[in-house]
Amino acid sequence: MSKQLQRILTAIGIGGALCICIILALHVGTIMIPIGGGIQSILQGIGIPIYVATPISQEQEAVLWFIRMPRVVISLLVGAALALAGAVMQGVFSNPLADPGIMGVSAGASLGAVLAIALGMTSLGLFYMPLFAFIGAFVSVGITIILTWRNNKLDTATLLLAGVAVSMLLGAFTSGILTMINEYRLREFLFWMVGGLDFRRWEHVFIAIGPILAGSIILMLLGRHLNVLVLGDTEARALGLPVMVYRILFLLLASLITATAVCVSGSIGFVGLVVPHIVRLLVGPDHRILLPMSALGGALFLVFCDTLGRVIAQPVEIRVGIMTALLGAPYFLFLLYRLRRKGGA
C-alpha cells in the first residue's frame, strides 16, 4: 500500500470515527435523545428543514443545545489544540516524549486558577478563572524563554530543563496557596485540576474558539517550515530559514493554543503526548500531514473519552482528565519500554 493511500484511508477512518463519536456524544447520557429527533433538531437549527417520525421533547432539545452541544464543541477544540501543540513540541524538541505542558504552561495555568479562586474572583463571573489561568500560562512561558535566551540563541535542551524548573517553582507557589484557602475553594480547584468538560456552556466556546482556531491554522500552514527546523539548526540555516524566529514562533503559538485549552477545560493529560505519536506511526513524520491529522485525532480521542466517562458508570460521571489518563498512560508506558529497548531513553 502506498503512503498516500494509507494517509487517505487514515484520514477517512479518523474522520468517520469522529462523526460517529459526535453523534453518540450528543444523544447518549442520563437523558437519552432519539438520534433521528436529535439530528432533525440540529438540521432545523442550522436552517435545513427535515422531518422524522420521532421528534424530541422541549426538555431533550434544551439538553441537546445548551448542555451537550457546547460540551462537544469544547471537546473538539481542546482535543485538537492539545494534540496539535503536542505534535509541534515533539517536532521542535525532536523528542517523541515532549508534550504541550513542557514549558510550564499547565503549571502556570494552575497557579492562575488557584489565585482566581483564592481571591474570590470566580464568584464575580464566569470569565475570571479562564482569564487568570491564561495569564498564568503565558507568564510561565515568558519566564521559561527569558531564562533560556542567551546570545540571541534558544537551546532546546536548556529550554526543556528551564520548563521543568519553572513548573516546579510555580507548583510550589500553587501548593502554598492551597494550604491557606478554605475547603470549599480547595474543592473547586481540585475539580478544575483534574480536568473536565462538565458544566461547559457556549460562553466557554466563545472564549476558546478564536485563539485555538487562529493558532491552529497558522501552525498547520507552517508545517513545511517545521519539517526544515527538524533537520537541525545547521541544515535549516543552509536552506535559508531564520531558525530562532521560527522556533520562538512555534513555541509561542503552541503555548497559545495549549493555554487556551487548559483555561477552559482544566489540566487534561496524555492527549498531546499519545495522539501525535500514534498519528505519526500512521501517516509518517511530514508535518504538513501530521499536524492536521493530529488535530483530528486529538478531537476524536477527547470526544471519545468524555462520552465514555459520561456513560460507563451512570449516574456517576468520570471526568475526562481521568479517562485520558486511564487510556493514555498504558500506551505511554509501552512507548517508554520501546524506546528503552531501542536505546533511545
C-alpha atoms as a PDB file:
ATOM      1  CA  MET A   1       0.000   0.000   0.000  1.00  0.00           C
ATOM      2  CA  SER A   2       1.378   3.410  -0.996  1.00  0.00           C
ATOM      3  CA  LYS A   3       1.934   6.104   1.638  1.00  0.00           C
ATOM      4  CA  GLN A   4      -0.572   8.428   0.013  1.00  0.00           C
ATOM      5  CA  LEU A   5      -3.294   5.771   0.016  1.00  0.00           C
ATOM      6  CA  GLN A   6      -2.532   4.933   3.637  1.00  0.00           C
ATOM      7  CA  ARG A   7      -2.842   8.611   4.580  1.00  0.00           C
ATOM      8  CA  ILE A   8      -6.159   8.921   2.759  1.00  0.00           C
ATOM      9  CA  LEU A   9      -7.556   5.817   4.444  1.00  0.00           C
ATOM     10  CA  THR A  10      -6.317   7.050   7.835  1.00  0.00           C
ATOM     11  CA  ALA A  11      -7.992  10.422   7.328  1.00  0.00           C
ATOM     12  CA  ILE A  12     -11.253   8.749   6.277  1.00  0.00           C
ATOM     13  CA  GLY A  13     -11.104   6.356   9.234  1.00  0.00           C
ATOM     14  CA  ILE A  14     -10.425   9.066  11.838  1.00  0.00           C
ATOM     15  CA  GLY A  15     -12.996  11.407  10.287  1.00  0.00           C
ATOM     16  CA  GLY A  16     -15.663   8.690  10.189  1.00  0.00           C
ATOM     17  CA  ALA A  17     -14.965   7.629  13.770  1.00  0.00           C
ATOM     18  CA  LEU A  18     -15.133  11.280  14.870  1.00  0.00           C
ATOM     19  CA  CYS A  19     -18.546  11.737  13.237  1.00  0.00           C
ATOM     20  CA  ILE A  20     -19.871   8.614  14.984  1.00  0.00           C
ATOM     21  CA  CYS A  21     -18.481   9.773  18.357  1.00  0.00           C
ATOM     22  CA  ILE A  22     -20.035  13.227  17.949  1.00  0.00           C
ATOM     23  CA  ILE A  23     -23.464  11.744  17.184  1.00  0.00           C
ATOM     24  CA  LEU A  24     -23.242   9.418  20.187  1.00  0.00           C
ATOM     25  CA  ALA A  25     -21.955  12.197  22.471  1.00  0.00           C
ATOM     26  CA  LEU A  26     -24.947  14.375  21.599  1.00  0.00           C
ATOM     27  CA  HIS A  27     -27.563  11.671  22.124  1.00  0.00           C
ATOM     28  CA  VAL A  28     -26.465   9.344  24.949  1.00  0.00           C
ATOM     29  CA  GLY A  29     -26.356  10.089  28.644  1.00  0.00           C
ATOM     30  CA  THR A  30     -28.625  10.281  31.673  1.00  0.00           C
ATOM     31  CA  ILE A  31     -31.283  11.759  29.383  1.00  0.00           C
ATOM     32  CA  MET A  32     -31.383   9.727  26.193  1.00  0.00           C
ATOM     33  CA  ILE A  33     -32.250  11.559  22.967  1.00  0.00           C
ATOM     34  CA  PRO A  34     -33.522   9.686  19.873  1.00  0.00           C
ATOM     35  CA  ILE A  35     -30.883  10.017  17.174  1.00  0.00           C
ATOM     36  CA  GLY A  36     -33.409  10.803  14.467  1.00  0.00           C
ATOM     37  CA  GLY A  37     -35.059  13.523  16.532  1.00  0.00           C
ATOM     38  CA  GLY A  38     -31.714  14.982  17.582  1.00  0.00           C
ATOM     39  CA  ILE A  39     -30.440  15.165  14.006  1.00  0.00           C
ATOM     40  CA  GLN A  40     -33.716  16.787  12.968  1.00  0.00           C
ATOM     41  CA  SER A  41     -33.327  19.432  15.680  1.00  0.00           C
ATOM     42  CA  ILE A  42     -29.723  20.147  14.675  1.00  0.00           C
ATOM     43  CA  LEU A  43     -30.509  20.426  10.964  1.00  0.00           C
ATOM     44  CA  GLN A  44     -33.519  22.636  11.615  1.00  0.00           C
ATOM     45  CA  GLY A  45     -31.367  24.775  13.903  1.00  0.00           C
ATOM     46  CA  ILE A  46     -28.962  25.497  11.032  1.00  0.00           C
ATOM     47  CA  GLY A  47     -31.792  26.175   8.582  1.00  0.00           C
ATOM     48  CA  ILE A  48     -32.201  22.790   6.865  1.00  0.00           C
ATOM     49  CA  PRO A  49     -35.837  21.592   7.084  1.00  0.00           C
ATOM     50  CA  ILE A  50     -36.194  17.864   7.759  1.00  0.00           C
ATOM     51  CA  TYR A  51     -38.927  15.815   9.402  1.00  0.00           C
ATOM     52  CA  VAL A  52     -38.692  12.448  11.145  1.00  0.00           C
ATOM     53  CA  ALA A  53     -41.178  10.231  12.935  1.00  0.00           C
ATOM     54  CA  THR A  54     -39.540  10.631  16.394  1.00  0.00           C
ATOM     55  CA  PRO A  55     -39.454  14.325  17.367  1.00  0.00           C
ATOM     56  CA  ILE A  56     -37.812  15.182  20.682  1.00  0.00           C
ATOM     57  CA  SER A  57     -39.377  16.952  23.647  1.00  0.00           C
ATOM     58  CA  GLN A  58     -38.565  20.510  24.722  1.00  0.00           C
ATOM     59  CA  GLU A  59     -36.521  19.145  27.641  1.00  0.00           C
ATOM     60  CA  GLN A  60     -34.469  16.929  25.332  1.00  0.00           C
ATOM     61  CA  GLU A  61     -33.968  19.823  22.923  1.00  0.00           C
ATOM     62  CA  ALA A  62     -32.711  22.052  25.762  1.00  0.00           C
ATOM     63  CA  VAL A  63     -30.276  19.327  26.870  1.00  0.00           C
ATOM     64  CA  LEU A  64     -29.084  18.897  23.278  1.00  0.00           C
ATOM     65  CA  TRP A  65     -28.477  22.581  22.507  1.00  0.00           C
ATOM     66  CA  PHE A  66     -27.443  24.065  25.846  1.00  0.00           C
ATOM     67  CA  ILE A  67     -25.641  21.205  27.631  1.00  0.00           C
ATOM     68  CA  ARG A  68     -24.303  18.629  25.195  1.00  0.00           C
ATOM     69  CA  MET A  69     -23.652  20.725  22.097  1.00  0.00           C
ATOM     70  CA  PRO A  70     -21.275  23.244  23.763  1.00  0.00           C
ATOM     71  CA  ARG A  71     -19.617  20.392  25.639  1.00  0.00           C
ATOM     72  CA  VAL A  72     -18.910  18.533  22.392  1.00  0.00           C
ATOM     73  CA  VAL A  73     -17.637  21.688  20.675  1.00  0.00           C
ATOM     74  CA  ILE A  74     -15.282  22.355  23.612  1.00  0.00           C
ATOM     75  CA  SER A  75     -14.053  18.726  23.464  1.00  0.00           C
ATOM     76  CA  LEU A  76     -13.311  19.137  19.750  1.00  0.00           C
ATOM     77  CA  LEU A  77     -11.436  22.408  20.279  1.00  0.00           C
ATOM     78  CA  VAL A  78      -9.472  21.278  23.346  1.00  0.00           C
ATOM     79  CA  GLY A  79      -8.608  17.842  21.937  1.00  0.00           C
ATOM     80  CA  ALA A  80      -7.445  19.306  18.620  1.00  0.00           C
ATOM     81  CA  ALA A  81      -5.427  22.047  20.352  1.00  0.00           C
ATOM     82  CA  LEU A  82      -3.623  19.730  22.774  1.00  0.00           C
ATOM     83  CA  ALA A  83      -2.761  17.128  20.130  1.00  0.00           C
ATOM     84  CA  LEU A  84      -1.611  19.758  17.631  1.00  0.00           C
ATOM     85  CA  ALA A  85       0.509  21.507  20.276  1.00  0.00           C
ATOM     86  CA  GLY A  86       1.978  18.145  21.260  1.00  0.00           C
ATOM     87  CA  ALA A  87       2.952  17.391  17.653  1.00  0.00           C
ATOM     88  CA  VAL A  88       4.619  20.809  17.357  1.00  0.00           C
ATOM     89  CA  MET A  89       6.516  20.427  20.638  1.00  0.00           C
ATOM     90  CA  GLN A  90       7.705  16.946  19.658  1.00  0.00           C
ATOM     91  CA  GLY A  91       8.960  18.394  16.388  1.00  0.00           C
ATOM     92  CA  VAL A  92      10.676  21.439  17.906  1.00  0.00           C
ATOM     93  CA  PHE A  93      12.359  19.380  20.637  1.00  0.00           C
ATOM     94  CA  SER A  94      12.939  16.346  18.360  1.00  0.00           C
ATOM     95  CA  ASN A  95      11.593  14.191  21.175  1.00  0.00           C
ATOM     96  CA  PRO A  96       8.537  11.895  20.947  1.00  0.00           C
ATOM     97  CA  LEU A  97       8.032  12.253  24.717  1.00  0.00           C
ATOM     98  CA  ALA A  98       7.544  16.039  24.619  1.00  0.00           C
ATOM     99  CA  ASP A  99       4.060  17.292  25.468  1.00  0.00           C
ATOM    100  CA  PRO A 100       2.239  20.667  25.398  1.00  0.00           C
ATOM    101  CA  GLY A 101       2.983  21.383  29.067  1.00  0.00           C
ATOM    102  CA  ILE A 102       6.729  21.013  28.697  1.00  0.00           C
ATOM    103  CA  MET A 103       7.321  24.778  29.019  1.00  0.00           C
ATOM    104  CA  GLY A 104       5.328  25.139  32.213  1.00  0.00           C
ATOM    105  CA  VAL A 105       2.007  26.026  30.591  1.00  0.00           C
ATOM    106  CA  SER A 106      -0.061  23.742  32.826  1.00  0.00           C
ATOM    107  CA  ALA A 107       1.777  24.820  35.995  1.00  0.00           C
ATOM    108  CA  GLY A 108       1.279  28.499  35.147  1.00  0.00           C
ATOM    109  CA  ALA A 109      -2.391  27.963  34.359  1.00  0.00           C
ATOM    110  CA  SER A 110      -2.859  26.100  37.654  1.00  0.00           C
ATOM    111  CA  LEU A 111      -1.280  28.961  39.593  1.00  0.00           C
ATOM    112  CA  GLY A 112      -3.514  31.464  37.798  1.00  0.00           C
ATOM    113  CA  ALA A 113      -6.608  29.379  38.515  1.00  0.00           C
ATOM    114  CA  VAL A 114      -5.832  28.958  42.206  1.00  0.00           C
ATOM    115  CA  LEU A 115      -5.172  32.703  42.505  1.00  0.00           C
ATOM    116  CA  ALA A 116      -8.576  33.430  40.968  1.00  0.00           C
ATOM    117  CA  ILE A 117     -10.214  31.027  43.427  1.00  0.00           C
ATOM    118  CA  ALA A 118      -8.275  32.306  46.449  1.00  0.00           C
ATOM    119  CA  LEU A 119      -9.159  35.928  45.662  1.00  0.00           C
ATOM    120  CA  GLY A 120     -12.829  35.041  45.244  1.00  0.00           C
ATOM    121  CA  MET A 121     -12.863  36.134  41.592  1.00  0.00           C
ATOM    122  CA  THR A 122     -14.765  33.045  40.453  1.00  0.00           C
ATOM    123  CA  SER A 123     -17.879  34.249  42.303  1.00  0.00           C
ATOM    124  CA  LEU A 124     -17.845  37.509  40.318  1.00  0.00           C
ATOM    125  CA  GLY A 125     -18.189  35.972  36.866  1.00  0.00           C
ATOM    126  CA  LEU A 126     -17.575  33.041  34.552  1.00  0.00           C
ATOM    127  CA  PHE A 127     -14.600  34.550  32.747  1.00  0.00           C
ATOM    128  CA  TYR A 128     -12.277  35.281  35.666  1.00  0.00           C
ATOM    129  CA  MET A 129     -10.843  31.788  36.198  1.00  0.00           C
ATOM    130  CA  PRO A 130     -10.087  31.197  32.475  1.00  0.00           C
ATOM    131  CA  LEU A 131      -8.571  34.697  32.273  1.00  0.00           C
ATOM    132  CA  PHE A 132      -6.292  34.164  35.287  1.00  0.00           C
ATOM    133  CA  ALA A 133      -5.340  30.674  34.035  1.00  0.00           C
ATOM    134  CA  PHE A 134      -4.483  32.056  30.597  1.00  0.00           C
ATOM    135  CA  ILE A 135      -2.355  34.866  32.053  1.00  0.00           C
ATOM    136  CA  GLY A 136      -0.577  32.424  34.375  1.00  0.00           C
ATOM    137  CA  ALA A 137       0.197  30.083  31.471  1.00  0.00           C
ATOM    138  CA  PHE A 138       1.725  32.826  29.349  1.00  0.00           C
ATOM    139  CA  VAL A 139       3.710  34.294  32.220  1.00  0.00           C
ATOM    140  CA  SER A 140       5.171  30.829  32.764  1.00  0.00           C
ATOM    141  CA  VAL A 141       6.134  30.523  29.089  1.00  0.00           C
ATOM    142  CA  GLY A 142       7.668  34.002  29.130  1.00  0.00           C
ATOM    143  CA  ILE A 143       9.789  33.214  32.202  1.00  0.00           C
ATOM    144  CA  THR A 144      10.977  29.961  30.620  1.00  0.00           C
ATOM    145  CA  ILE A 145      12.044  31.678  27.396  1.00  0.00           C
ATOM    146  CA  ILE A 146      13.765  34.559  29.247  1.00  0.00           C
ATOM    147  CA  LEU A 147      15.739  32.113  31.402  1.00  0.00           C
ATOM    148  CA  THR A 148      16.871  30.204  28.317  1.00  0.00           C
ATOM    149  CA  TRP A 149      17.600  33.081  25.918  1.00  0.00           C
ATOM    150  CA  ARG A 150      21.300  33.881  25.667  1.00  0.00           C
ATOM    151  CA  ASN A 151      23.358  35.487  22.882  1.00  0.00           C
ATOM    152  CA  ASN A 152      20.318  35.518  20.601  1.00  0.00           C
ATOM    153  CA  LYS A 153      20.049  31.740  20.896  1.00  0.00           C
ATOM    154  CA  LEU A 154      17.440  29.415  22.346  1.00  0.00           C
ATOM    155  CA  ASP A 155      18.863  25.989  23.127  1.00  0.00           C
ATOM    156  CA  THR A 156      16.143  23.319  23.202  1.00  0.00           C
ATOM    157  CA  ALA A 157      17.864  21.177  25.853  1.00  0.00           C
ATOM    158  CA  THR A 158      18.216  24.166  28.195  1.00  0.00           C
ATOM    159  CA  LEU A 159      14.637  25.192  27.371  1.00  0.00           C
ATOM    160  CA  LEU A 160      13.378  21.788  28.468  1.00  0.00           C
ATOM    161  CA  LEU A 161      15.260  21.981  31.780  1.00  0.00           C
ATOM    162  CA  ALA A 162      14.079  25.544  32.367  1.00  0.00           C
ATOM    163  CA  GLY A 163      10.492  24.450  31.729  1.00  0.00           C
ATOM    164  CA  VAL A 164      10.803  21.705  34.342  1.00  0.00           C
ATOM    165  CA  ALA A 165      12.329  24.117  36.873  1.00  0.00           C
ATOM    166  CA  VAL A 166       9.676  26.796  36.289  1.00  0.00           C
ATOM    167  CA  SER A 167       6.914  24.176  36.582  1.00  0.00           C
ATOM    168  CA  MET A 168       8.280  23.008  39.924  1.00  0.00           C
ATOM    169  CA  LEU A 169       8.596  26.582  41.207  1.00  0.00           C
ATOM    170  CA  LEU A 170       5.072  27.554  40.188  1.00  0.00           C
ATOM    171  CA  GLY A 171       3.793  24.254  41.568  1.00  0.00           C
ATOM    172  CA  ALA A 172       5.311  25.170  44.928  1.00  0.00           C
ATOM    173  CA  PHE A 173       3.512  28.530  44.883  1.00  0.00           C
ATOM    174  CA  THR A 174       0.259  26.769  43.974  1.00  0.00           C
ATOM    175  CA  SER A 175       0.655  24.285  46.843  1.00  0.00           C
ATOM    176  CA  GLY A 176       1.388  27.106  49.252  1.00  0.00           C
ATOM    177  CA  ILE A 177      -1.787  28.967  48.288  1.00  0.00           C
ATOM    178  CA  LEU A 178      -3.836  25.768  48.550  1.00  0.00           C
ATOM    179  CA  THR A 179      -2.806  25.327  52.172  1.00  0.00           C
ATOM    180  CA  MET A 180      -4.311  28.712  53.009  1.00  0.00           C
ATOM    181  CA  ILE A 181      -7.731  28.544  51.314  1.00  0.00           C
ATOM    182  CA  ASN A 182     -10.917  27.080  52.773  1.00  0.00           C
ATOM    183  CA  GLU A 183     -12.324  23.649  51.988  1.00  0.00           C
ATOM    184  CA  TYR A 184     -14.951  24.864  49.501  1.00  0.00           C
ATOM    185  CA  ARG A 185     -12.402  26.751  47.397  1.00  0.00           C
ATOM    186  CA  LEU A 186      -9.959  23.850  47.649  1.00  0.00           C
ATOM    187  CA  ARG A 187     -12.610  21.506  46.233  1.00  0.00           C
ATOM    188  CA  GLU A 188     -13.284  23.995  43.423  1.00  0.00           C
ATOM    189  CA  PHE A 189      -9.618  23.997  42.442  1.00  0.00           C
ATOM    190  CA  LEU A 190      -9.317  20.219  42.623  1.00  0.00           C
ATOM    191  CA  PHE A 191     -12.281  19.820  40.245  1.00  0.00           C
ATOM    192  CA  TRP A 192     -10.549  22.195  37.822  1.00  0.00           C
ATOM    193  CA  MET A 193      -7.175  20.484  38.238  1.00  0.00           C
ATOM    194  CA  VAL A 194      -8.489  17.015  37.399  1.00  0.00           C
ATOM    195  CA  GLY A 195      -9.708  18.336  34.055  1.00  0.00           C
ATOM    196  CA  GLY A 196     -13.298  18.120  32.944  1.00  0.00           C
ATOM    197  CA  LEU A 197     -15.810  19.324  30.397  1.00  0.00           C
ATOM    198  CA  ASP A 198     -18.925  19.226  32.568  1.00  0.00           C
ATOM    199  CA  PHE A 199     -20.818  22.494  33.029  1.00  0.00           C
ATOM    200  CA  ARG A 200     -19.245  23.923  29.892  1.00  0.00           C
ATOM    201  CA  ARG A 201     -21.523  26.371  28.095  1.00  0.00           C
ATOM    202  CA  TRP A 202     -21.472  28.436  24.927  1.00  0.00           C
ATOM    203  CA  GLU A 203     -19.588  31.154  26.823  1.00  0.00           C
ATOM    204  CA  HIS A 204     -16.629  28.772  27.158  1.00  0.00           C
ATOM    205  CA  VAL A 205     -16.825  28.050  23.432  1.00  0.00           C
ATOM    206  CA  PHE A 206     -16.642  31.778  22.674  1.00  0.00           C
ATOM    207  CA  ILE A 207     -13.567  32.094  24.930  1.00  0.00           C
ATOM    208  CA  ALA A 208     -11.711  29.226  23.248  1.00  0.00           C
ATOM    209  CA  ILE A 209     -12.704  29.236  19.606  1.00  0.00           C
ATOM    210  CA  GLY A 210     -10.838  32.357  18.433  1.00  0.00           C
ATOM    211  CA  PRO A 211      -7.314  31.706  19.813  1.00  0.00           C
ATOM    212  CA  ILE A 212      -7.440  27.959  19.132  1.00  0.00           C
ATOM    213  CA  LEU A 213      -8.655  28.257  15.531  1.00  0.00           C
ATOM    214  CA  ALA A 214      -6.286  31.120  14.680  1.00  0.00           C
ATOM    215  CA  GLY A 215      -3.254  29.478  16.285  1.00  0.00           C
ATOM    216  CA  SER A 216      -4.036  26.066  14.811  1.00  0.00           C
ATOM    217  CA  ILE A 217      -4.485  27.370  11.264  1.00  0.00           C
ATOM    218  CA  ILE A 218      -1.182  29.271  11.396  1.00  0.00           C
ATOM    219  CA  LEU A 219       0.661  26.218  12.749  1.00  0.00           C
ATOM    220  CA  MET A 220      -0.752  23.978  10.029  1.00  0.00           C
ATOM    221  CA  LEU A 221       0.279  26.482   7.351  1.00  0.00           C
ATOM    222  CA  LEU A 222       3.825  26.409   8.766  1.00  0.00           C
ATOM    223  CA  GLY A 223       4.145  22.621   8.562  1.00  0.00           C
ATOM    224  CA  ARG A 224       6.782  22.825   5.828  1.00  0.00           C
ATOM    225  CA  HIS A 225       8.911  25.179   7.947  1.00  0.00           C
ATOM    226  CA  LEU A 226       8.708  22.763  10.880  1.00  0.00           C
ATOM    227  CA  ASN A 227       9.962  19.994   8.577  1.00  0.00           C
ATOM    228  CA  VAL A 228      13.027  22.125   7.837  1.00  0.00           C
ATOM    229  CA  LEU A 229      13.523  23.021  11.517  1.00  0.00           C
ATOM    230  CA  VAL A 230      13.542  19.329  12.486  1.00  0.00           C
ATOM    231  CA  LEU A 231      16.551  18.765  10.207  1.00  0.00           C
ATOM    232  CA  GLY A 232      18.762  20.688  12.673  1.00  0.00           C
ATOM    233  CA  ASP A 233      19.961  24.262  13.031  1.00  0.00           C
ATOM    234  CA  THR A 234      22.850  23.985  10.558  1.00  0.00           C
ATOM    235  CA  GLU A 235      20.761  22.414   7.788  1.00  0.00           C
ATOM    236  CA  ALA A 236      17.865  24.813   8.399  1.00  0.00           C
ATOM    237  CA  ARG A 237      20.143  27.865   8.134  1.00  0.00           C
ATOM    238  CA  ALA A 238      21.692  26.442   4.961  1.00  0.00           C
ATOM    239  CA  LEU A 239      18.190  26.334   3.480  1.00  0.00           C
ATOM    240  CA  GLY A 240      17.625  29.977   4.420  1.00  0.00           C
ATOM    241  CA  LEU A 241      15.348  29.500   7.439  1.00  0.00           C
ATOM    242  CA  PRO A 242      15.759  32.004  10.318  1.00  0.00           C
ATOM    243  CA  VAL A 243      15.926  29.309  12.984  1.00  0.00           C
ATOM    244  CA  MET A 244      15.396  31.390  16.133  1.00  0.00           C
ATOM    245  CA  VAL A 245      12.456  33.321  14.698  1.00  0.00           C
ATOM    246  CA  TYR A 246      10.566  30.184  13.715  1.00  0.00           C
ATOM    247  CA  ARG A 247      11.497  28.269  16.865  1.00  0.00           C
ATOM    248  CA  ILE A 248      10.075  31.036  19.057  1.00  0.00           C
ATOM    249  CA  LEU A 249       7.038  31.374  16.764  1.00  0.00           C
ATOM    250  CA  PHE A 250       6.257  27.659  17.029  1.00  0.00           C
ATOM    251  CA  LEU A 251       6.729  27.676  20.808  1.00  0.00           C
ATOM    252  CA  LEU A 252       4.519  30.739  21.296  1.00  0.00           C
ATOM    253  CA  LEU A 253       1.720  29.503  19.010  1.00  0.00           C
ATOM    254  CA  ALA A 254       1.754  26.038  20.603  1.00  0.00           C
ATOM    255  CA  SER A 255       1.707  27.667  24.042  1.00  0.00           C
ATOM    256  CA  LEU A 256      -1.176  29.939  22.980  1.00  0.00           C
ATOM    257  CA  ILE A 257      -3.484  27.113  21.953  1.00  0.00           C
ATOM    258  CA  THR A 258      -2.411  24.985  24.941  1.00  0.00           C
ATOM    259  CA  ALA A 259      -3.046  27.836  27.390  1.00  0.00           C
ATOM    260  CA  THR A 260      -6.457  28.491  25.850  1.00  0.00           C
ATOM    261  CA  ALA A 261      -7.379  24.804  26.028  1.00  0.00           C
ATOM    262  CA  VAL A 262      -6.221  24.464  29.638  1.00  0.00           C
ATOM    263  CA  CYS A 263      -8.005  27.619  30.779  1.00  0.00           C
ATOM    264  CA  VAL A 264     -11.432  26.302  29.694  1.00  0.00           C
ATOM    265  CA  SER A 265     -11.018  22.600  30.499  1.00  0.00           C
ATOM    266  CA  GLY A 266      -8.503  22.332  33.320  1.00  0.00           C
ATOM    267  CA  SER A 267      -5.446  20.117  33.147  1.00  0.00           C
ATOM    268  CA  ILE A 268      -6.018  17.177  30.763  1.00  0.00           C
ATOM    269  CA  GLY A 269      -3.026  14.916  30.273  1.00  0.00           C
ATOM    270  CA  PHE A 270      -1.784  12.461  27.632  1.00  0.00           C
ATOM    271  CA  VAL A 271      -3.733  13.923  24.676  1.00  0.00           C
ATOM    272  CA  GLY A 272      -0.755  15.915  23.432  1.00  0.00           C
ATOM    273  CA  LEU A 273       1.663  13.094  24.204  1.00  0.00           C
ATOM    274  CA  VAL A 274      -0.046   9.961  22.931  1.00  0.00           C
ATOM    275  CA  VAL A 275      -2.139  11.128  19.971  1.00  0.00           C
ATOM    276  CA  PRO A 276       0.666  12.729  17.875  1.00  0.00           C
ATOM    277  CA  HIS A 277       2.842   9.661  18.387  1.00  0.00           C
ATOM    278  CA  ILE A 278       0.114   7.277  17.183  1.00  0.00           C
ATOM    279  CA  VAL A 279      -0.729   9.516  14.225  1.00  0.00           C
ATOM    280  CA  ARG A 280       2.962   9.728  13.299  1.00  0.00           C
ATOM    281  CA  LEU A 281       3.082   5.927  13.070  1.00  0.00           C
ATOM    282  CA  LEU A 282       0.076   6.024  10.708  1.00  0.00           C
ATOM    283  CA  VAL A 283       0.887   8.923   8.374  1.00  0.00           C
ATOM    284  CA  GLY A 284       4.625   9.488   8.761  1.00  0.00           C
ATOM    285  CA  PRO A 285       6.732  12.409  10.019  1.00  0.00           C
ATOM    286  CA  ASP A 286       5.816  15.017   7.372  1.00  0.00           C
ATOM    287  CA  HIS A 287       4.366  17.848   9.480  1.00  0.00           C
ATOM    288  CA  ARG A 288       2.276  19.147   6.586  1.00  0.00           C
ATOM    289  CA  ILE A 289       0.198  15.979   7.040  1.00  0.00           C
ATOM    290  CA  LEU A 290       0.991  15.199  10.674  1.00  0.00           C
ATOM    291  CA  LEU A 291      -0.271  18.483  12.161  1.00  0.00           C
ATOM    292  CA  PRO A 292      -3.833  18.455  10.740  1.00  0.00           C
ATOM    293  CA  MET A 293      -4.145  14.709  11.303  1.00  0.00           C
ATOM    294  CA  SER A 294      -3.001  15.108  14.922  1.00  0.00           C
ATOM    295  CA  ALA A 295      -5.645  17.788  15.463  1.00  0.00           C
ATOM    296  CA  LEU A 296      -8.298  15.479  14.007  1.00  0.00           C
ATOM    297  CA  GLY A 297      -7.061  12.555  16.117  1.00  0.00           C
ATOM    298  CA  GLY A 298      -6.966  14.678  19.284  1.00  0.00           C
ATOM    299  CA  ALA A 299     -10.540  15.799  18.750  1.00  0.00           C
ATOM    300  CA  LEU A 300     -11.607  12.163  18.278  1.00  0.00           C
ATOM    301  CA  PHE A 301      -9.718  10.976  21.374  1.00  0.00           C
ATOM    302  CA  LEU A 302     -11.159  13.628  23.690  1.00  0.00           C
ATOM    303  CA  VAL A 303     -14.755  13.310  22.462  1.00  0.00           C
ATOM    304  CA  PHE A 304     -14.495   9.531  22.881  1.00  0.00           C
ATOM    305  CA  CYS A 305     -13.006   9.785  26.395  1.00  0.00           C
ATOM    306  CA  ASP A 306     -15.589  12.362  27.507  1.00  0.00           C
ATOM    307  CA  THR A 307     -18.509  10.322  26.158  1.00  0.00           C
ATOM    308  CA  LEU A 308     -17.177   7.103  27.675  1.00  0.00           C
ATOM    309  CA  GLY A 309     -16.719   8.814  31.033  1.00  0.00           C
ATOM    310  CA  ARG A 310     -20.333  10.003  30.984  1.00  0.00           C
ATOM    311  CA  VAL A 311     -21.927   6.641  30.202  1.00  0.00           C
ATOM    312  CA  ILE A 312     -19.626   3.951  31.635  1.00  0.00           C
ATOM    313  CA  ALA A 313     -20.732   4.346  35.270  1.00  0.00           C
ATOM    314  CA  GLN A 314     -24.094   6.136  35.135  1.00  0.00           C
ATOM    315  CA  PRO A 315     -25.343   8.073  37.027  1.00  0.00           C
ATOM    316  CA  VAL A 316     -21.782   8.817  38.206  1.00  0.00           C
ATOM    317  CA  GLU A 317     -19.632  10.724  35.716  1.00  0.00           C
ATOM    318  CA  ILE A 318     -15.910  10.018  35.383  1.00  0.00           C
ATOM    319  CA  ARG A 319     -14.158  13.255  34.464  1.00  0.00           C
ATOM    320  CA  VAL A 320     -12.404  13.344  31.134  1.00  0.00           C
ATOM    321  CA  GLY A 321      -8.974  14.040  32.679  1.00  0.00           C
ATOM    322  CA  ILE A 322      -9.217  10.710  34.492  1.00  0.00           C
ATOM    323  CA  MET A 323     -10.355   8.886  31.344  1.00  0.00           C
ATOM    324  CA  THR A 324      -7.479  10.226  29.215  1.00  0.00           C
ATOM    325  CA  ALA A 325      -5.022   9.120  31.899  1.00  0.00           C
ATOM    326  CA  LEU A 326      -6.583   5.649  32.143  1.00  0.00           C
ATOM    327  CA  LEU A 327      -6.388   5.184  28.368  1.00  0.00           C
ATOM    328  CA  GLY A 328      -3.201   7.153  27.656  1.00  0.00           C
ATOM    329  CA  ALA A 329      -0.911   6.055  30.486  1.00  0.00           C
ATOM    330  CA  PRO A 330      -0.643   2.384  29.376  1.00  0.00           C
ATOM    331  CA  TYR A 331       0.367   3.462  25.875  1.00  0.00           C
ATOM    332  CA  PHE A 332       2.884   5.924  27.334  1.00  0.00           C
ATOM    333  CA  LEU A 333       4.451   3.136  29.411  1.00  0.00           C
ATOM    334  CA  PHE A 334       4.597   0.958  26.289  1.00  0.00           C
ATOM    335  CA  LEU A 335       6.306   3.816  24.441  1.00  0.00           C
ATOM    336  CA  LEU A 336       8.884   4.190  27.213  1.00  0.00           C
ATOM    337  CA  TYR A 337       9.553   0.435  27.124  1.00  0.00           C
ATOM    338  CA  ARG A 338      10.011   0.505  23.353  1.00  0.00           C
ATOM    339  CA  LEU A 339      12.357   3.483  23.482  1.00  0.00           C
ATOM    340  CA  ARG A 340      14.395   1.830  26.214  1.00  0.00           C
ATOM    341  CA  ARG A 341      14.783  -1.349  24.158  1.00  0.00           C
ATOM    342  CA  LYS A 342      15.990   0.739  21.227  1.00  0.00           C
ATOM    343  CA  GLY A 343      18.389   2.634  23.479  1.00  0.00           C
ATOM    344  CA  GLY A 344      16.569   5.938  22.966  1.00  0.00           C
ATOM    345  CA  ALA A 345      15.538   6.679  26.537  1.00  0.00           C
END
